[in-house]
Amino acid sequence: MKYAWLILPLLAACATTPKSEAGAAAGGKASADASTLAAYHWRLHEANGRDGKRIDALFARPQQPLQLDLRDGRLGVSNACNRIGSEYRIEKGRLVSGRMAQTLMACADPALAALDRAIGQRLESRPRIDLTPGDAPHLRLTTDSGDTLDFVGVPTAETRYGGAGETVFLEVDAQTQPCSHPLIPDRRCLKVRERHYDANGLAAGAPGEWQLLYQDIEGYAHEAGVRNVLRVKRYAIKNPPADAPSQAYVLDMVVESERAGH
């Protein structure tokens, strides 16, 4: 069975909004803040209402906290039921988004459906935005109704590896294969090959040769019996330790997924 992503409006058709740009009143500070925002994944740490009580609807997935990514004028939300996003800008100290759009996934758990609504409504409310930079940066969103959402910054792969990386597509075989490792007995590796696509997203040229990948793909958890095509970012690792990989692979998205035999 193959799975595909569909994008639908969360509340209505997406309105066109300007891309992120410096606020005139901030004298260039908003532009610098936008650079800091783009350098981190922002994971929800705490959220409280005006009455000081925790907003439980925003913590429906306690092991996978809500995450915001703000880059190139785009706001993305992950670890809800659906992936949610829109364009955004910072204007007079507020986070101004377009109308949020989301992937079309059936949320069997009512709490997850409520999670999508809870975060979408607060992001669309033009909350005040406060950024505290540093080694462990914090981001706070405050709505006019008094809700406060506090996020902790986790460096993106681009920040950690010092570059934009190269986008590649990897087809991952449904079954892992035995592979030797001096420190890990019974090690099994992913069997992968590169795939190529044209500007229209159509397969182009012959796939590369199958080979074993003697390292993990950050953010990817393989399920036995499921073949995937992944879009990943490949980064050069500066001064890697001896016998360590010179490249890192980070999952961007799952392009195609198919269970063997279906």
C-alpha atoms as a PDB file:
ATOM      1  CA  MET A   1       0.000   0.000   0.000  1.00  0.00           C
ATOM      2  CA  LYS A   2       1.367   3.415  -0.913  1.00  0.00           C
ATOM      3  CA  TYR A   3       0.784   6.549   1.131  1.00  0.00           C
ATOM      4  CA  ALA A   4       0.732  10.121  -0.142  1.00  0.00           C
ATOM      5  CA  TRP A   5       0.481  13.543   1.433  1.00  0.00           C
ATOM      6  CA  LEU A   6      -2.372  15.915   0.631  1.00  0.00           C
ATOM      7  CA  ILE A   7      -2.476  19.555   1.665  1.00  0.00           C
ATOM      8  CA  LEU A   8      -5.801  21.083   2.653  1.00  0.00           C
ATOM      9  CA  PRO A   9      -6.626  24.407   4.278  1.00  0.00           C
ATOM     10  CA  LEU A  10      -7.081  24.245   8.047  1.00  0.00           C
ATOM     11  CA  LEU A  11      -9.749  26.931   8.165  1.00  0.00           C
ATOM     12  CA  ALA A  12     -10.026  28.322   4.657  1.00  0.00           C
ATOM     13  CA  ALA A  13      -8.087  28.763   1.451  1.00  0.00           C
ATOM     14  CA  CYS A  14      -4.567  30.046   2.099  1.00  0.00           C
ATOM     15  CA  ALA A  15      -4.228  33.777   1.806  1.00  0.00           C
ATOM     16  CA  THR A  16      -1.096  35.284   0.315  1.00  0.00           C
ATOM     17  CA  THR A  17       1.117  36.882   2.943  1.00  0.00           C
ATOM     18  CA  PRO A  18       4.485  38.606   2.659  1.00  0.00           C
ATOM     19  CA  LYS A  19       7.593  36.675   3.505  1.00  0.00           C
ATOM     20  CA  SER A  20       9.446  37.287   6.747  1.00  0.00           C
ATOM     21  CA  GLU A  21      11.160  40.652   6.808  1.00  0.00           C
ATOM     22  CA  ALA A  22      12.582  43.072   9.327  1.00  0.00           C
ATOM     23  CA  GLY A  23      10.124  45.233  11.230  1.00  0.00           C
ATOM     24  CA  ALA A  24      10.809  48.906  10.668  1.00  0.00           C
ATOM     25  CA  ALA A  25      10.316  49.748  14.324  1.00  0.00           C
ATOM     26  CA  ALA A  26      12.869  47.150  15.363  1.00  0.00           C
ATOM     27  CA  GLY A  27      15.724  48.836  13.516  1.00  0.00           C
ATOM     28  CA  GLY A  28      16.941  45.554  12.006  1.00  0.00           C
ATOM     29  CA  LYS A  29      16.596  43.525  15.199  1.00  0.00           C
ATOM     30  CA  ALA A  30      13.701  41.479  13.769  1.00  0.00           C
ATOM     31  CA  SER A  31      15.917  40.423  10.847  1.00  0.00           C
ATOM     32  CA  ALA A  32      18.586  39.175  13.253  1.00  0.00           C
ATOM     33  CA  ASP A  33      15.934  37.391  15.274  1.00  0.00           C
ATOM     34  CA  ALA A  34      14.693  35.687  12.097  1.00  0.00           C
ATOM     35  CA  SER A  35      18.181  34.273  11.574  1.00  0.00           C
ATOM     36  CA  THR A  36      18.176  32.897  15.107  1.00  0.00           C
ATOM     37  CA  LEU A  37      14.684  31.484  14.660  1.00  0.00           C
ATOM     38  CA  ALA A  38      15.802  29.636  11.523  1.00  0.00           C
ATOM     39  CA  ALA A  39      18.830  28.111  13.268  1.00  0.00           C
ATOM     40  CA  TYR A  40      16.763  26.038  15.717  1.00  0.00           C
ATOM     41  CA  HIS A  41      13.878  23.610  16.015  1.00  0.00           C
ATOM     42  CA  TRP A  42      11.582  25.059  18.683  1.00  0.00           C
ATOM     43  CA  ARG A  43      10.105  22.375  20.946  1.00  0.00           C
ATOM     44  CA  LEU A  44       7.226  23.119  23.271  1.00  0.00           C
ATOM     45  CA  HIS A  45       8.354  22.969  26.889  1.00  0.00           C
ATOM     46  CA  GLU A  46       5.505  24.635  28.768  1.00  0.00           C
ATOM     47  CA  ALA A  47       2.112  26.159  27.967  1.00  0.00           C
ATOM     48  CA  ASN A  48      -0.253  27.858  30.389  1.00  0.00           C
ATOM     49  CA  GLY A  49      -3.484  29.815  30.199  1.00  0.00           C
ATOM     50  CA  ARG A  50      -4.221  33.165  31.780  1.00  0.00           C
ATOM     51  CA  ASP A  51      -5.267  31.322  34.939  1.00  0.00           C
ATOM     52  CA  GLY A  52      -1.832  29.687  35.191  1.00  0.00           C
ATOM     53  CA  LYS A  53      -3.159  26.208  34.442  1.00  0.00           C
ATOM     54  CA  ARG A  54      -1.377  23.962  31.969  1.00  0.00           C
ATOM     55  CA  ILE A  55      -2.971  23.801  28.504  1.00  0.00           C
ATOM     56  CA  ASP A  56      -3.298  20.022  28.371  1.00  0.00           C
ATOM     57  CA  ALA A  57      -4.583  20.005  24.769  1.00  0.00           C
ATOM     58  CA  LEU A  58      -1.095  21.016  23.575  1.00  0.00           C
ATOM     59  CA  PHE A  59       0.550  18.006  25.242  1.00  0.00           C
ATOM     60  CA  ALA A  60      -1.411  15.146  23.688  1.00  0.00           C
ATOM     61  CA  ARG A  61       1.887  13.550  22.592  1.00  0.00           C
ATOM     62  CA  PRO A  62       4.100  13.878  25.688  1.00  0.00           C
ATOM     63  CA  GLN A  63       6.931  11.813  24.171  1.00  0.00           C
ATOM     64  CA  GLN A  64       6.908  13.961  21.014  1.00  0.00           C
ATOM     65  CA  PRO A  65       6.514  17.631  21.962  1.00  0.00           C
ATOM     66  CA  LEU A  66       5.094  20.049  19.432  1.00  0.00           C
ATOM     67  CA  GLN A  67       7.818  21.545  17.281  1.00  0.00           C
ATOM     68  CA  LEU A  68       7.898  24.815  15.365  1.00  0.00           C
ATOM     69  CA  ASP A  69      10.271  25.525  12.495  1.00  0.00           C
ATOM     70  CA  LEU A  70      10.524  29.067  11.149  1.00  0.00           C
ATOM     71  CA  ARG A  71      12.654  29.401   8.061  1.00  0.00           C
ATOM     72  CA  ASP A  72      12.623  31.332   4.781  1.00  0.00           C
ATOM     73  CA  GLY A  73       9.306  32.935   5.627  1.00  0.00           C
ATOM     74  CA  ARG A  74       7.651  29.574   6.334  1.00  0.00           C
ATOM     75  CA  LEU A  75       6.223  28.379   9.642  1.00  0.00           C
ATOM     76  CA  GLY A  76       5.929  24.608  10.081  1.00  0.00           C
ATOM     77  CA  VAL A  77       4.429  22.572  12.918  1.00  0.00           C
ATOM     78  CA  SER A  78       5.353  18.933  13.474  1.00  0.00           C
ATOM     79  CA  ASN A  79       4.498  16.271  16.065  1.00  0.00           C
ATOM     80  CA  ALA A  80       0.804  17.134  15.965  1.00  0.00           C
ATOM     81  CA  CYS A  81      -1.551  14.687  14.237  1.00  0.00           C
ATOM     82  CA  ASN A  82      -0.970  16.413  10.887  1.00  0.00           C
ATOM     83  CA  ARG A  83       1.878  18.537   9.613  1.00  0.00           C
ATOM     84  CA  ILE A  84       0.721  22.147   9.695  1.00  0.00           C
ATOM     85  CA  GLY A  85       2.200  25.227   8.078  1.00  0.00           C
ATOM     86  CA  SER A  86       1.854  28.621   6.466  1.00  0.00           C
ATOM     87  CA  GLU A  87       3.845  31.665   5.499  1.00  0.00           C
ATOM     88  CA  TYR A  88       4.752  34.038   8.306  1.00  0.00           C
ATOM     89  CA  ARG A  89       6.365  37.357   9.133  1.00  0.00           C
ATOM     90  CA  ILE A  90       7.364  39.237  12.281  1.00  0.00           C
ATOM     91  CA  GLU A  91       5.534  42.522  12.567  1.00  0.00           C
ATOM     92  CA  LYS A  92       5.818  44.920  15.509  1.00  0.00           C
ATOM     93  CA  GLY A  93       6.831  42.168  17.879  1.00  0.00           C
ATOM     94  CA  ARG A  94       4.127  39.744  16.765  1.00  0.00           C
ATOM     95  CA  LEU A  95       4.190  36.481  14.859  1.00  0.00           C
ATOM     96  CA  VAL A  96       1.857  37.015  11.911  1.00  0.00           C
ATOM     97  CA  SER A  97       0.994  33.880   9.943  1.00  0.00           C
ATOM     98  CA  GLY A  98      -1.199  33.157   6.986  1.00  0.00           C
ATOM     99  CA  ARG A  99      -4.089  30.769   7.418  1.00  0.00           C
ATOM    100  CA  MET A 100      -2.688  27.433   8.433  1.00  0.00           C
ATOM    101  CA  ALA A 101      -2.819  24.489   6.036  1.00  0.00           C
ATOM    102  CA  GLN A 102      -2.372  20.871   7.032  1.00  0.00           C
ATOM    103  CA  THR A 103      -1.828  17.396   5.648  1.00  0.00           C
ATOM    104  CA  LEU A 104      -4.923  15.220   5.421  1.00  0.00           C
ATOM    105  CA  MET A 105      -4.528  12.483   8.017  1.00  0.00           C
ATOM    106  CA  ALA A 106      -7.371  10.831   9.892  1.00  0.00           C
ATOM    107  CA  CYS A 107      -6.797  11.460  13.599  1.00  0.00           C
ATOM    108  CA  ALA A 108      -8.289   8.380  15.247  1.00  0.00           C
ATOM    109  CA  ASP A 109      -7.462   9.766  18.683  1.00  0.00           C
ATOM    110  CA  PRO A 110      -9.746  12.764  19.427  1.00  0.00           C
ATOM    111  CA  ALA A 111      -6.965  14.265  21.556  1.00  0.00           C
ATOM    112  CA  LEU A 112      -4.722  14.479  18.482  1.00  0.00           C
ATOM    113  CA  ALA A 113      -7.428  16.188  16.431  1.00  0.00           C
ATOM    114  CA  ALA A 114      -7.853  18.640  19.302  1.00  0.00           C
ATOM    115  CA  LEU A 115      -4.085  19.177  19.326  1.00  0.00           C
ATOM    116  CA  ASP A 116      -4.130  20.302  15.688  1.00  0.00           C
ATOM    117  CA  ARG A 117      -6.892  22.802  16.418  1.00  0.00           C
ATOM    118  CA  ALA A 118      -5.295  24.052  19.628  1.00  0.00           C
ATOM    119  CA  ILE A 119      -1.945  24.947  18.109  1.00  0.00           C
ATOM    120  CA  GLY A 120      -3.419  26.219  14.822  1.00  0.00           C
ATOM    121  CA  GLN A 121      -5.781  28.640  16.558  1.00  0.00           C
ATOM    122  CA  ARG A 122      -3.032  30.081  18.754  1.00  0.00           C
ATOM    123  CA  LEU A 123      -0.602  30.534  15.887  1.00  0.00           C
ATOM    124  CA  GLU A 124      -3.255  32.314  13.825  1.00  0.00           C
ATOM    125  CA  SER A 125      -4.035  34.725  16.695  1.00  0.00           C
ATOM    126  CA  ARG A 126      -0.977  36.951  15.996  1.00  0.00           C
ATOM    127  CA  PRO A 127       0.734  36.177  19.312  1.00  0.00           C
ATOM    128  CA  ARG A 128       3.480  38.382  20.712  1.00  0.00           C
ATOM    129  CA  ILE A 129       6.881  36.810  20.167  1.00  0.00           C
ATOM    130  CA  ASP A 130       9.853  37.074  22.530  1.00  0.00           C
ATOM    131  CA  LEU A 131      13.193  35.449  21.829  1.00  0.00           C
ATOM    132  CA  THR A 132      15.924  34.949  24.410  1.00  0.00           C
ATOM    133  CA  PRO A 133      19.127  33.969  22.552  1.00  0.00           C
ATOM    134  CA  GLY A 134      22.052  32.093  24.070  1.00  0.00           C
ATOM    135  CA  ASP A 135      23.486  28.592  24.272  1.00  0.00           C
ATOM    136  CA  ALA A 136      20.005  27.347  25.218  1.00  0.00           C
ATOM    137  CA  PRO A 137      17.675  29.845  23.500  1.00  0.00           C
ATOM    138  CA  HIS A 138      14.026  30.181  24.483  1.00  0.00           C
ATOM    139  CA  LEU A 139      11.043  31.368  22.475  1.00  0.00           C
ATOM    140  CA  ARG A 140       7.811  32.587  24.068  1.00  0.00           C
ATOM    141  CA  LEU A 141       4.493  33.186  22.286  1.00  0.00           C
ATOM    142  CA  THR A 142       1.829  35.126  24.198  1.00  0.00           C
ATOM    143  CA  THR A 143      -1.725  35.438  22.901  1.00  0.00           C
ATOM    144  CA  ASP A 144      -4.015  38.383  23.638  1.00  0.00           C
ATOM    145  CA  SER A 145      -6.177  36.021  25.693  1.00  0.00           C
ATOM    146  CA  GLY A 146      -3.241  35.431  28.048  1.00  0.00           C
ATOM    147  CA  ASP A 147      -1.975  32.016  26.910  1.00  0.00           C
ATOM    148  CA  THR A 148       1.812  31.631  27.046  1.00  0.00           C
ATOM    149  CA  LEU A 149       3.667  28.980  25.050  1.00  0.00           C
ATOM    150  CA  ASP A 150       7.336  28.459  25.898  1.00  0.00           C
ATOM    151  CA  PHE A 151       9.667  26.670  23.476  1.00  0.00           C
ATOM    152  CA  VAL A 152      13.263  25.504  23.843  1.00  0.00           C
ATOM    153  CA  GLY A 153      15.624  25.794  20.871  1.00  0.00           C
ATOM    154  CA  VAL A 154      17.378  22.679  19.539  1.00  0.00           C
ATOM    155  CA  PRO A 155      20.017  23.362  16.844  1.00  0.00           C
ATOM    156  CA  THR A 156      19.040  22.313  13.333  1.00  0.00           C
ATOM    157  CA  ALA A 157      21.265  20.020  11.303  1.00  0.00           C
ATOM    158  CA  GLU A 158      22.434  23.030   9.286  1.00  0.00           C
ATOM    159  CA  THR A 159      23.516  24.714  12.505  1.00  0.00           C
ATOM    160  CA  ARG A 160      25.219  21.583  13.847  1.00  0.00           C
ATOM    161  CA  TYR A 161      27.070  20.734  10.637  1.00  0.00           C
ATOM    162  CA  GLY A 162      27.792  24.285   9.516  1.00  0.00           C
ATOM    163  CA  GLY A 163      26.199  24.221   6.073  1.00  0.00           C
ATOM    164  CA  ALA A 164      23.068  23.784   4.012  1.00  0.00           C
ATOM    165  CA  GLY A 165      23.767  20.184   3.058  1.00  0.00           C
ATOM    166  CA  GLU A 166      22.925  18.356  -0.167  1.00  0.00           C
ATOM    167  CA  THR A 167      19.440  17.028  -0.913  1.00  0.00           C
ATOM    168  CA  VAL A 168      19.422  13.394  -2.063  1.00  0.00           C
ATOM    169  CA  PHE A 169      16.755  10.716  -2.412  1.00  0.00           C
ATOM    170  CA  LEU A 170      17.374   7.276  -0.949  1.00  0.00           C
ATOM    171  CA  GLU A 171      15.280   4.190  -1.562  1.00  0.00           C
ATOM    172  CA  VAL A 172      15.420   1.983   1.533  1.00  0.00           C
ATOM    173  CA  ASP A 173      14.833  -1.733   1.025  1.00  0.00           C
ATOM    174  CA  ALA A 174      12.094  -3.354   3.091  1.00  0.00           C
ATOM    175  CA  GLN A 175      14.577  -5.595   4.907  1.00  0.00           C
ATOM    176  CA  THR A 176      17.800  -4.719   6.689  1.00  0.00           C
ATOM    177  CA  GLN A 177      20.904  -6.799   6.047  1.00  0.00           C
ATOM    178  CA  PRO A 178      23.633  -8.228   8.306  1.00  0.00           C
ATOM    179  CA  CYS A 179      26.739  -6.053   8.334  1.00  0.00           C
ATOM    180  CA  SER A 180      29.967  -6.300  10.278  1.00  0.00           C
ATOM    181  CA  HIS A 181      30.736  -3.849  13.062  1.00  0.00           C
ATOM    182  CA  PRO A 182      33.639  -4.244  15.525  1.00  0.00           C
ATOM    183  CA  LEU A 183      31.631  -2.974  18.503  1.00  0.00           C
ATOM    184  CA  ILE A 184      28.078  -4.130  17.720  1.00  0.00           C
ATOM    185  CA  PRO A 185      27.485  -7.898  17.432  1.00  0.00           C
ATOM    186  CA  ASP A 186      24.711  -8.946  15.029  1.00  0.00           C
ATOM    187  CA  ARG A 187      24.636  -5.481  13.511  1.00  0.00           C
ATOM    188  CA  ARG A 188      22.108  -4.959  10.701  1.00  0.00           C
ATOM    189  CA  CYS A 189      22.310  -2.128   8.197  1.00  0.00           C
ATOM    190  CA  LEU A 190      19.893  -0.412   5.875  1.00  0.00           C
ATOM    191  CA  LYS A 191      20.136  -1.431   2.231  1.00  0.00           C
ATOM    192  CA  VAL A 192      19.796   1.727   0.130  1.00  0.00           C
ATOM    193  CA  ARG A 193      20.211   3.112  -3.357  1.00  0.00           C
ATOM    194  CA  GLU A 194      19.992   6.643  -4.695  1.00  0.00           C
ATOM    195  CA  ARG A 195      16.962   7.708  -6.737  1.00  0.00           C
ATOM    196  CA  HIS A 196      16.741  10.695  -9.066  1.00  0.00           C
ATOM    197  CA  TYR A 197      13.791  12.957  -9.892  1.00  0.00           C
ATOM    198  CA  ASP A 198      13.256  15.797 -12.354  1.00  0.00           C
ATOM    199  CA  ALA A 199      11.908  19.278 -11.594  1.00  0.00           C
ATOM    200  CA  ASN A 200       8.336  17.931 -11.837  1.00  0.00           C
ATOM    201  CA  GLY A 201       8.951  15.224  -9.253  1.00  0.00           C
ATOM    202  CA  LEU A 202       8.996  12.401 -11.805  1.00  0.00           C
ATOM    203  CA  ALA A 203      11.532   9.576 -11.625  1.00  0.00           C
ATOM    204  CA  ALA A 204      14.477  10.316 -13.907  1.00  0.00           C
ATOM    205  CA  GLY A 205      17.285   8.028 -14.972  1.00  0.00           C
ATOM    206  CA  ALA A 206      18.240   4.680 -13.532  1.00  0.00           C
ATOM    207  CA  PRO A 207      18.513   4.205  -9.762  1.00  0.00           C
ATOM    208  CA  GLY A 208      21.972   3.812  -8.271  1.00  0.00           C
ATOM    209  CA  GLU A 209      23.434   0.508  -7.132  1.00  0.00           C
ATOM    210  CA  TRP A 210      22.171  -1.076  -3.939  1.00  0.00           C
ATOM    211  CA  GLN A 211      24.617  -0.748  -1.057  1.00  0.00           C
ATOM    212  CA  LEU A 212      24.696  -1.096   2.706  1.00  0.00           C
ATOM    213  CA  LEU A 213      24.574   2.089   4.755  1.00  0.00           C
ATOM    214  CA  TYR A 214      26.858   1.624   7.744  1.00  0.00           C
ATOM    215  CA  GLN A 215      25.287   4.467   9.739  1.00  0.00           C
ATOM    216  CA  ASP A 216      21.899   5.720  10.853  1.00  0.00           C
ATOM    217  CA  ILE A 217      19.720   8.295   9.138  1.00  0.00           C
ATOM    218  CA  GLU A 218      18.857  10.897  11.766  1.00  0.00           C
ATOM    219  CA  GLY A 219      15.105  11.071  12.329  1.00  0.00           C
ATOM    220  CA  TYR A 220      14.335   7.811  10.503  1.00  0.00           C
ATOM    221  CA  ALA A 221      13.123   4.655  12.228  1.00  0.00           C
ATOM    222  CA  HIS A 222      12.958   1.685   9.877  1.00  0.00           C
ATOM    223  CA  GLU A 223       9.985  -0.684  10.047  1.00  0.00           C
ATOM    224  CA  ALA A 224      10.786  -4.213   8.879  1.00  0.00           C
ATOM    225  CA  GLY A 225       8.886  -5.133   5.728  1.00  0.00           C
ATOM    226  CA  VAL A 226       8.297  -1.536   4.603  1.00  0.00           C
ATOM    227  CA  ARG A 227      10.109  -0.067   1.609  1.00  0.00           C
ATOM    228  CA  ASN A 228      10.555   3.704   1.702  1.00  0.00           C
ATOM    229  CA  VAL A 229      11.834   6.441  -0.545  1.00  0.00           C
ATOM    230  CA  LEU A 230      13.307   9.187   1.611  1.00  0.00           C
ATOM    231  CA  ARG A 231      14.314  12.739   0.885  1.00  0.00           C
ATOM    232  CA  VAL A 232      17.335  13.349   3.072  1.00  0.00           C
ATOM    233  CA  LYS A 233      19.949  16.010   3.629  1.00  0.00           C
ATOM    234  CA  ARG A 234      23.550  14.868   3.383  1.00  0.00           C
ATOM    235  CA  TYR A 235      26.121  16.858   5.333  1.00  0.00           C
ATOM    236  CA  ALA A 236      29.901  16.741   5.338  1.00  0.00           C
ATOM    237  CA  ILE A 237      31.286  16.153   8.841  1.00  0.00           C
ATOM    238  CA  LYS A 238      34.297  18.324   9.545  1.00  0.00           C
ATOM    239  CA  ASN A 239      37.251  16.486  11.069  1.00  0.00           C
ATOM    240  CA  PRO A 240      35.452  13.203  11.838  1.00  0.00           C
ATOM    241  CA  PRO A 241      37.112  10.804  14.305  1.00  0.00           C
ATOM    242  CA  ALA A 242      39.100   7.911  12.880  1.00  0.00           C
ATOM    243  CA  ASP A 243      36.865   5.153  11.475  1.00  0.00           C
ATOM    244  CA  ALA A 244      33.797   7.401  11.855  1.00  0.00           C
ATOM    245  CA  PRO A 245      31.588   8.450   8.891  1.00  0.00           C
ATOM    246  CA  SER A 246      32.623  11.570   7.000  1.00  0.00           C
ATOM    247  CA  GLN A 247      29.005  12.323   6.102  1.00  0.00           C
ATOM    248  CA  ALA A 248      25.755  12.552   8.048  1.00  0.00           C
ATOM    249  CA  TYR A 249      22.261  11.807   6.735  1.00  0.00           C
ATOM    250  CA  VAL A 250      19.228  13.600   8.154  1.00  0.00           C
ATOM    251  CA  LEU A 251      15.641  12.731   7.184  1.00  0.00           C
ATOM    252  CA  ASP A 252      13.750  15.527   5.462  1.00  0.00           C
ATOM    253  CA  MET A 253      10.577  13.644   4.520  1.00  0.00           C
ATOM    254  CA  VAL A 254       9.223  10.241   3.494  1.00  0.00           C
ATOM    255  CA  VAL A 255       8.323  10.541  -0.181  1.00  0.00           C
ATOM    256  CA  GLU A 256       6.889   7.065  -0.694  1.00  0.00           C
ATOM    257  CA  SER A 257       6.087   4.135   1.574  1.00  0.00           C
ATOM    258  CA  GLU A 258       5.017   0.621   0.576  1.00  0.00           C
ATOM    259  CA  ARG A 259       4.656  -2.543   2.596  1.00  0.00           C
ATOM    260  CA  ALA A 260       6.253  -5.558   0.942  1.00  0.00           C
ATOM    261  CA  GLY A 261       3.690  -7.821  -0.738  1.00  0.00           C
ATOM    262  CA  HIS A 262       1.064  -5.058  -1.216  1.00  0.00           C
END
